[in-house]
Structure formats: structure tokens, C-alpha cells
Amino acid sequence: MKYIWIAVAVLALAVTTHAQRGGSLNSGAALSGASTPTLSHTLPAVFNATYAQGDSSFAPSAFLPWSEAVAFGTPEPKKTLGEIAREYREQKKARTD
């Protein structure tokens, strides 16, 4: 009885392995390991070219020296929760006075 279960397990594994390789049980060589090659279903990539057009006399509207541009692009430091609470208390005191 044990050998029958082992044979069933081996047969089941062989069938599932063959199914993963792309074959079918109806072909004559289902369990022999031979399979027919399958075609890929991926489409070839299409690359479209886009060209920029326009006036070649473009000039930037503002020009900054490097150090000023870096300073302009640097974000302001964020306030801490303590600073925000202090400002809120001061505003609240100013409203009650």
C-alpha cells in the first residue's frame, strides 16, 4: 500500500512539473521529459522620439550668483515644538491684555 502512495505522488509531481514547462498530457511524450518550445507573448518595445521646438533666443528671467542661489534654495530651519508653544502662549497673552 505504501508503494502505491509513493507511485501516485511521483506521478502527480511529474504531471505538475511537465505542466509548468509548457507541455500537455495529450502530446505523445507527456512523461518522457520532451516538450515543445513555446513562443514568448511579450511585445517588442516601441520608442517614440520627441523633439523640442521653439525660439532659440531664450534668456533666463533672473540670474543670481552661485552663493545667492544656494542660499535662496536652502529651506528655512523648522521651528521646534517648544518654540511654537512659546509663540502661541505669547499670542494668547497679547489677546487677553
Foldseek 3Di string as FASTA:
>chain_A
DVVVVVVVVVVVVQQVVLVVQPADPPDPCSNVPDGDDDDDPDDDDDDDDDDDDDDPPDDDPDDDPPVVVVVVPDDDDDDDPVVVVVVVVVVVVVVVD
